[in-house]
Amino acid sequence: MSAALSLLAVLIDTRLLWAQDLTPAAARPSRDSAVGSSRATLTRTPPLSPGSSIAITFAQSSASNWVGAPASFLTASISALASESLTAGPLAVRLNLSLRLGATYVGDSSVVDHFRVSDNEFFGEVVGSYPLRWRVDPYVSSSLRSPVTEAHHYLGTVRTRTAAFWDPVVTQQSMGFAYENRSSREFCSIRIGISANEVRAVEQTMLSDDPNTPEKERYRIRAGVEFAADATVLVDSSMTYTGRLASFGGFSKLDLWTVHSEHELRIRFWKVFGLIASVTILYDTRLSLRTQVRESISVGIVHTF
């Protein structure tokens, strides 16, 4: 809990510091002068910043006499993304926030629940690097991932709860070296370093429990290696691609990695209306021995700030 609160405190404090810095860019002190000052000034780093957007989308499908498919379903989801690059004296800071929450209505009389949670995740990350004018720069990072609401797994008529708010919550702290490439239309970052992965749970102990012990652990920490990558590409004025890869391998089993990959293409075709195509790939043997893949194409309101 202390790591999660520390991350939220950093996010809030950074937002407040940036909001207080209302001086024009020409009047702001340079990086050299900021280093010698008692308090570093936070300024945005162009381009691709700010990169905040919100989307409310819908997808519908129906079938008649289709073997193995429900009669109909309607999915509604809301997603909010925020990405901001800042400079604080000699440090480069990047903030990433995402919120995804969705529900699906299944029009089939044989199902247990007609309304089911589809998207259910909050993610926050702070990455700080010290530019050395090398090919790679040292970095430190802290991230937090948690469900937003209660969710269940369905097998026939059996319903099993798999998540609740803040249960489980996964935090990770890392340090290592990062490569970053930035231009007017694209951004790419690749990081590799040592990391500490922590899982805290109350009742949903699938990620924190050790199957080799008789007790049910609600807290688990693992040390290992992190490999992460982020990319944002402005294809044109109405099309944006964002991708994120996060992988972790524990020192105890370096041949077994956890991989979480997200890819999203947002296309605005008329004012605030647009299309979102996304692919999420998850490989975590604690949840499933198979690679989980989820694809979606939805249409709705897409607004970029």
Protein backbone atom coordinates (compact mmCIF):
# COMPACT_ATOMS: atom_id res chain seq x y z
CA MET A 1 0.00 0.00 0.00
CA SER A 2 2.88 2.38 0.72
CA ALA A 3 4.23 2.02 -2.82
CA ALA A 4 0.79 2.67 -4.31
CA LEU A 5 0.26 5.76 -2.17
CA SER A 6 3.74 7.02 -3.07
CA LEU A 7 2.94 6.73 -6.78
CA LEU A 8 -0.34 8.61 -6.40
CA ALA A 9 1.40 11.29 -4.34
CA VAL A 10 4.01 11.78 -7.07
CA LEU A 11 1.30 12.09 -9.73
CA ILE A 12 -0.71 14.64 -7.73
CA ASP A 13 2.34 16.67 -6.68
CA THR A 14 3.65 16.78 -10.25
CA ARG A 15 0.29 17.98 -11.55
CA LEU A 16 0.20 20.74 -8.91
CA LEU A 17 3.74 21.85 -9.69
CA TRP A 18 3.00 22.06 -13.41
CA ALA A 19 -0.22 23.95 -12.81
CA GLN A 20 1.67 26.57 -10.76
CA ASP A 21 4.14 27.15 -13.58
CA LEU A 22 2.14 29.63 -15.68
CA THR A 23 4.99 31.76 -16.99
CA PRO A 24 5.52 31.95 -20.77
CA ALA A 25 8.09 29.62 -22.31
CA ALA A 26 10.41 32.51 -23.16
CA ALA A 27 10.44 33.67 -19.54
CA ARG A 28 11.15 30.24 -18.09
CA PRO A 29 14.67 29.55 -16.92
CA SER A 30 16.87 27.30 -19.00
CA ARG A 31 17.90 23.81 -17.91
CA ASP A 32 21.25 25.09 -16.65
CA SER A 33 19.68 27.76 -14.48
CA ALA A 34 17.03 25.34 -13.22
CA VAL A 35 19.72 22.98 -11.97
CA GLY A 36 21.16 25.65 -9.70
CA SER A 37 17.81 26.83 -8.39
CA SER A 38 16.35 25.53 -5.16
CA ARG A 39 13.23 24.27 -6.94
CA ALA A 40 13.27 22.85 -10.46
CA THR A 41 10.68 24.22 -12.88
CA LEU A 42 8.52 21.67 -14.67
CA THR A 43 7.92 22.35 -18.36
CA ARG A 44 6.30 20.27 -21.04
CA THR A 45 8.52 18.59 -23.58
CA PRO A 46 7.22 18.76 -27.17
CA PRO A 47 6.09 17.03 -29.28
CA LEU A 48 3.24 14.61 -28.56
CA SER A 49 2.54 16.28 -25.25
CA PRO A 50 -0.03 16.61 -23.91
CA GLY A 51 -1.52 13.40 -25.24
CA SER A 52 -4.76 13.08 -23.33
CA SER A 53 -7.92 11.61 -24.82
CA ILE A 54 -11.22 10.12 -23.75
CA ALA A 55 -13.46 7.74 -25.67
CA ILE A 56 -16.96 6.36 -25.17
CA THR A 57 -17.58 3.53 -27.62
CA PHE A 58 -20.19 0.90 -28.48
CA ALA A 59 -20.12 -2.42 -30.31
CA GLN A 60 -23.11 -4.63 -31.16
CA SER A 61 -23.54 -8.11 -32.59
CA SER A 62 -26.45 -10.48 -33.08
CA ALA A 63 -26.82 -14.05 -34.35
CA SER A 64 -29.67 -16.35 -35.29
CA ASN A 65 -29.29 -20.13 -35.06
CA TRP A 66 -25.53 -19.71 -34.83
CA VAL A 67 -23.95 -22.67 -33.08
CA GLY A 68 -21.83 -21.72 -30.07
CA ALA A 69 -22.67 -18.00 -30.13
CA PRO A 70 -25.03 -15.96 -27.94
CA ALA A 71 -28.15 -14.54 -29.52
CA SER A 72 -26.86 -10.97 -29.25
CA PHE A 73 -24.56 -8.77 -27.26
CA LEU A 74 -23.96 -5.07 -26.80
CA THR A 75 -20.70 -3.70 -25.39
CA ALA A 76 -20.23 -0.20 -24.03
CA SER A 77 -16.87 1.04 -22.75
CA ILE A 78 -15.15 4.20 -21.63
CA SER A 79 -11.40 4.71 -21.84
CA ALA A 80 -9.26 7.64 -20.80
CA LEU A 81 -5.58 8.00 -21.69
CA ALA A 82 -3.13 10.66 -20.52
CA SER A 83 0.54 10.93 -21.38
CA GLU A 84 2.71 13.88 -20.53
CA SER A 85 6.44 14.52 -20.91
CA LEU A 86 8.04 17.07 -18.56
CA THR A 87 11.48 18.41 -17.73
CA ALA A 88 12.43 19.10 -14.13
CA GLY A 89 15.88 20.65 -14.12
CA PRO A 90 18.21 18.04 -15.65
CA LEU A 91 15.61 15.27 -15.34
CA ALA A 92 13.17 14.11 -18.00
CA VAL A 93 9.89 12.88 -16.52
CA ARG A 94 7.12 11.04 -18.32
CA LEU A 95 3.67 10.37 -16.83
CA ASN A 96 1.34 7.72 -18.21
CA LEU A 97 -2.23 7.17 -17.01
CA SER A 98 -4.95 4.97 -18.43
CA LEU A 99 -8.43 3.96 -17.32
CA ARG A 100 -10.53 1.34 -19.10
CA LEU A 101 -13.97 0.27 -17.96
CA GLY A 102 -16.54 -1.57 -20.03
CA ALA A 103 -19.63 -3.75 -19.74
CA THR A 104 -21.26 -6.26 -22.06
CA TYR A 105 -24.94 -7.19 -22.24
CA VAL A 106 -25.47 -10.77 -23.39
CA GLY A 107 -28.92 -11.44 -24.81
CA ASP A 108 -29.08 -15.16 -24.07
CA SER A 109 -31.52 -16.76 -21.66
CA SER A 110 -29.06 -19.54 -20.75
CA VAL A 111 -26.39 -17.29 -19.22
CA VAL A 112 -26.03 -16.59 -15.49
CA ASP A 113 -25.55 -12.81 -15.75
CA HIS A 114 -26.72 -10.73 -18.67
CA PHE A 115 -24.41 -7.86 -17.73
CA ARG A 116 -20.70 -8.68 -17.54
CA VAL A 117 -17.61 -6.55 -17.01
CA SER A 118 -15.36 -6.54 -20.08
CA ASP A 119 -12.69 -3.85 -19.52
CA ASN A 120 -11.59 -3.28 -15.95
CA GLU A 121 -8.21 -1.67 -15.32
CA PHE A 122 -6.45 1.42 -14.02
CA PHE A 123 -2.77 1.91 -14.81
CA GLY A 124 -0.39 4.64 -13.71
CA GLU A 125 3.32 5.03 -14.36
CA VAL A 126 6.07 7.56 -13.67
CA VAL A 127 9.39 7.29 -15.51
CA GLY A 128 12.30 9.60 -14.72
CA SER A 129 15.54 9.60 -16.72
CA TYR A 130 18.79 11.59 -16.58
CA PRO A 131 19.95 12.56 -20.09
CA LEU A 132 23.67 11.91 -20.47
CA ARG A 133 23.82 12.53 -24.23
CA TRP A 134 24.65 8.87 -24.67
CA ARG A 135 22.78 6.30 -26.73
CA VAL A 136 21.08 5.22 -23.50
CA ASP A 137 20.22 7.10 -20.31
CA PRO A 138 19.76 5.85 -16.73
CA TYR A 139 16.17 5.74 -15.53
CA VAL A 140 13.98 4.92 -12.53
CA SER A 141 10.29 4.10 -12.75
CA SER A 142 7.29 3.21 -10.62
CA SER A 143 3.99 1.79 -11.84
CA LEU A 144 0.66 0.67 -10.44
CA ARG A 145 -2.03 -1.55 -11.95
CA SER A 146 -5.39 -2.30 -10.33
CA PRO A 147 -8.94 -3.38 -11.20
CA VAL A 148 -11.58 -0.67 -11.09
CA THR A 149 -14.58 -2.75 -10.10
CA GLU A 150 -15.69 -6.31 -9.43
CA ALA A 151 -15.34 -8.87 -12.24
CA HIS A 152 -16.13 -12.56 -12.62
CA HIS A 153 -15.14 -15.61 -14.62
CA TYR A 154 -17.95 -17.69 -16.09
CA LEU A 155 -17.87 -21.42 -16.76
CA GLY A 156 -21.30 -22.71 -17.68
CA THR A 157 -23.62 -21.72 -14.84
CA VAL A 158 -20.75 -21.24 -12.36
CA ARG A 159 -19.62 -17.70 -11.59
CA THR A 160 -16.29 -17.06 -9.84
CA ARG A 161 -15.12 -13.62 -8.75
CA THR A 162 -11.67 -12.81 -10.10
CA ALA A 163 -11.20 -9.13 -9.25
CA ALA A 164 -12.47 -6.28 -7.11
CA PHE A 165 -11.46 -2.66 -6.59
CA TRP A 166 -7.83 -2.59 -5.38
CA ASP A 167 -7.84 -6.39 -5.19
CA PRO A 168 -5.32 -7.32 -6.41
CA VAL A 169 -3.04 -4.33 -6.94
CA VAL A 170 0.31 -4.78 -8.67
CA THR A 171 3.14 -2.28 -8.17
CA GLN A 172 6.56 -2.32 -9.74
CA GLN A 173 9.72 -0.26 -9.22
CA SER A 174 12.59 -0.43 -11.71
CA MET A 175 15.95 1.10 -12.50
CA GLY A 176 18.24 0.60 -15.48
CA PHE A 177 18.94 2.15 -18.86
CA ALA A 178 16.55 3.52 -21.48
CA TYR A 179 16.75 4.46 -25.15
CA GLU A 180 14.42 7.17 -26.39
CA ASN A 181 13.72 8.51 -29.87
CA ARG A 182 11.47 11.52 -30.32
CA SER A 183 10.42 13.46 -33.40
CA SER A 184 7.56 15.73 -34.44
CA ARG A 185 5.30 12.80 -35.30
CA GLU A 186 6.49 9.82 -33.29
CA PHE A 187 7.85 8.78 -29.94
CA CYS A 188 9.58 5.53 -28.97
CA SER A 189 11.12 4.39 -25.68
CA ILE A 190 12.83 1.10 -24.81
CA ARG A 191 13.87 0.26 -21.23
CA ILE A 192 15.68 -2.61 -19.57
CA GLY A 193 16.67 -2.85 -15.92
CA ILE A 194 16.33 -4.62 -12.61
CA SER A 195 12.93 -4.51 -10.98
CA ALA A 196 10.89 -5.37 -7.89
CA ASN A 197 7.36 -6.63 -8.59
CA GLU A 198 4.86 -6.57 -5.70
CA VAL A 199 1.35 -8.01 -5.53
CA ARG A 200 -1.10 -7.15 -2.74
CA ALA A 201 -4.45 -8.90 -2.46
CA VAL A 202 -7.33 -9.24 -0.04
CA GLU A 203 -9.43 -12.09 -1.43
CA GLN A 204 -8.30 -12.45 -5.07
CA THR A 205 -4.99 -14.20 -4.45
CA MET A 206 -4.40 -15.74 -7.88
CA LEU A 207 -1.36 -13.49 -8.44
CA SER A 208 0.00 -13.41 -4.88
CA ASP A 209 -0.45 -16.99 -3.70
CA ASP A 210 2.42 -19.46 -3.87
CA PRO A 211 1.02 -22.87 -4.91
CA ASN A 212 3.99 -24.64 -3.28
CA THR A 213 2.95 -23.62 0.24
CA PRO A 214 -0.18 -24.61 2.21
CA GLU A 215 -0.85 -21.02 3.28
CA LYS A 216 -2.66 -18.53 1.08
CA GLU A 217 -0.29 -15.57 0.66
CA ARG A 218 -1.84 -12.12 0.18
CA TYR A 219 1.47 -10.37 -0.42
CA ARG A 220 4.25 -11.41 -2.76
CA ILE A 221 7.38 -9.67 -3.94
CA ARG A 222 9.69 -10.85 -6.71
CA ALA A 223 12.98 -9.42 -7.93
CA GLY A 224 13.85 -9.75 -11.57
CA VAL A 225 14.43 -8.08 -14.93
CA GLU A 226 12.11 -5.60 -16.64
CA PHE A 227 11.91 -5.05 -20.39
CA ALA A 228 9.45 -2.37 -21.46
CA ALA A 229 8.68 -0.36 -24.58
CA ASP A 230 6.31 2.50 -25.41
CA ALA A 231 5.43 3.98 -28.79
CA THR A 232 3.16 6.73 -30.09
CA VAL A 233 2.83 7.52 -33.79
CA LEU A 234 0.79 10.35 -35.32
CA VAL A 235 -0.08 8.75 -38.65
CA ASP A 236 -1.98 11.90 -39.68
CA SER A 237 -4.21 14.53 -38.09
CA SER A 238 -7.04 12.02 -37.56
CA MET A 239 -5.17 8.78 -36.84
CA THR A 240 -3.00 7.92 -33.81
CA TYR A 241 -1.34 4.66 -32.84
CA THR A 242 -0.22 3.88 -29.29
CA GLY A 243 1.49 0.73 -28.07
CA ARG A 244 2.92 -0.50 -24.80
CA LEU A 245 4.89 -3.63 -23.93
CA ALA A 246 5.64 -4.61 -20.32
CA SER A 247 7.47 -7.83 -19.51
CA PHE A 248 9.00 -9.16 -16.31
CA GLY A 249 11.14 -12.19 -15.57
CA GLY A 250 11.98 -13.20 -12.01
CA PHE A 251 15.55 -14.06 -11.06
CA SER A 252 14.34 -17.41 -9.71
CA LYS A 253 12.93 -18.40 -13.14
CA LEU A 254 14.44 -16.26 -15.89
CA ASP A 255 13.08 -18.64 -18.53
CA LEU A 256 9.49 -17.81 -17.49
CA TRP A 257 8.32 -14.27 -18.25
CA THR A 258 5.11 -12.34 -17.78
CA VAL A 259 4.14 -10.32 -20.85
CA HIS A 260 1.47 -7.61 -21.15
CA SER A 261 1.17 -5.94 -24.54
CA GLU A 262 -1.41 -3.34 -25.63
CA HIS A 263 -1.90 -1.84 -29.09
CA GLU A 264 -4.53 0.72 -30.04
CA LEU A 265 -5.37 2.63 -33.23
CA ARG A 266 -7.71 5.62 -32.91
CA ILE A 267 -9.27 7.08 -36.06
CA ARG A 268 -11.41 10.20 -35.93
CA PHE A 269 -13.58 10.38 -39.04
CA TRP A 270 -16.01 13.21 -38.20
CA LYS A 271 -15.50 15.86 -35.53
CA VAL A 272 -15.62 13.92 -32.23
CA PHE A 273 -16.79 10.60 -33.67
CA GLY A 274 -14.29 7.89 -34.40
CA LEU A 275 -13.25 4.27 -34.47
CA ILE A 276 -10.97 2.42 -32.04
CA ALA A 277 -9.25 -0.85 -32.93
CA SER A 278 -7.31 -2.49 -30.11
CA VAL A 279 -5.42 -5.70 -29.42
CA THR A 280 -4.33 -6.84 -25.95
CA ILE A 281 -1.98 -9.79 -25.43
CA LEU A 282 -1.39 -11.24 -21.96
CA TYR A 283 0.82 -14.14 -20.97
CA ASP A 284 0.87 -14.95 -17.27
CA THR A 285 1.01 -18.57 -16.15
CA ARG A 286 -0.52 -17.62 -12.80
CA LEU A 287 -3.76 -16.82 -14.65
CA SER A 288 -3.65 -19.21 -17.60
CA LEU A 289 -1.18 -21.56 -19.26
CA ARG A 290 -2.26 -20.19 -22.64
CA THR A 291 -1.58 -16.81 -24.21
CA GLN A 292 -4.67 -14.64 -23.80
CA VAL A 293 -5.57 -12.42 -26.76
CA ARG A 294 -8.41 -9.89 -26.91
CA GLU A 295 -9.36 -7.93 -30.02
CA SER A 296 -12.00 -5.25 -30.36
CA ILE A 297 -13.27 -2.74 -32.90
CA SER A 298 -15.76 -0.17 -31.64
CA VAL A 299 -17.28 3.12 -32.74
CA GLY A 300 -18.17 6.10 -30.57
CA ILE A 301 -17.09 9.48 -29.26
CA VAL A 302 -13.34 10.08 -29.35
CA HIS A 303 -12.05 13.42 -28.05
CA THR A 304 -8.42 14.49 -27.75
CA PHE A 305 -7.36 17.30 -25.42
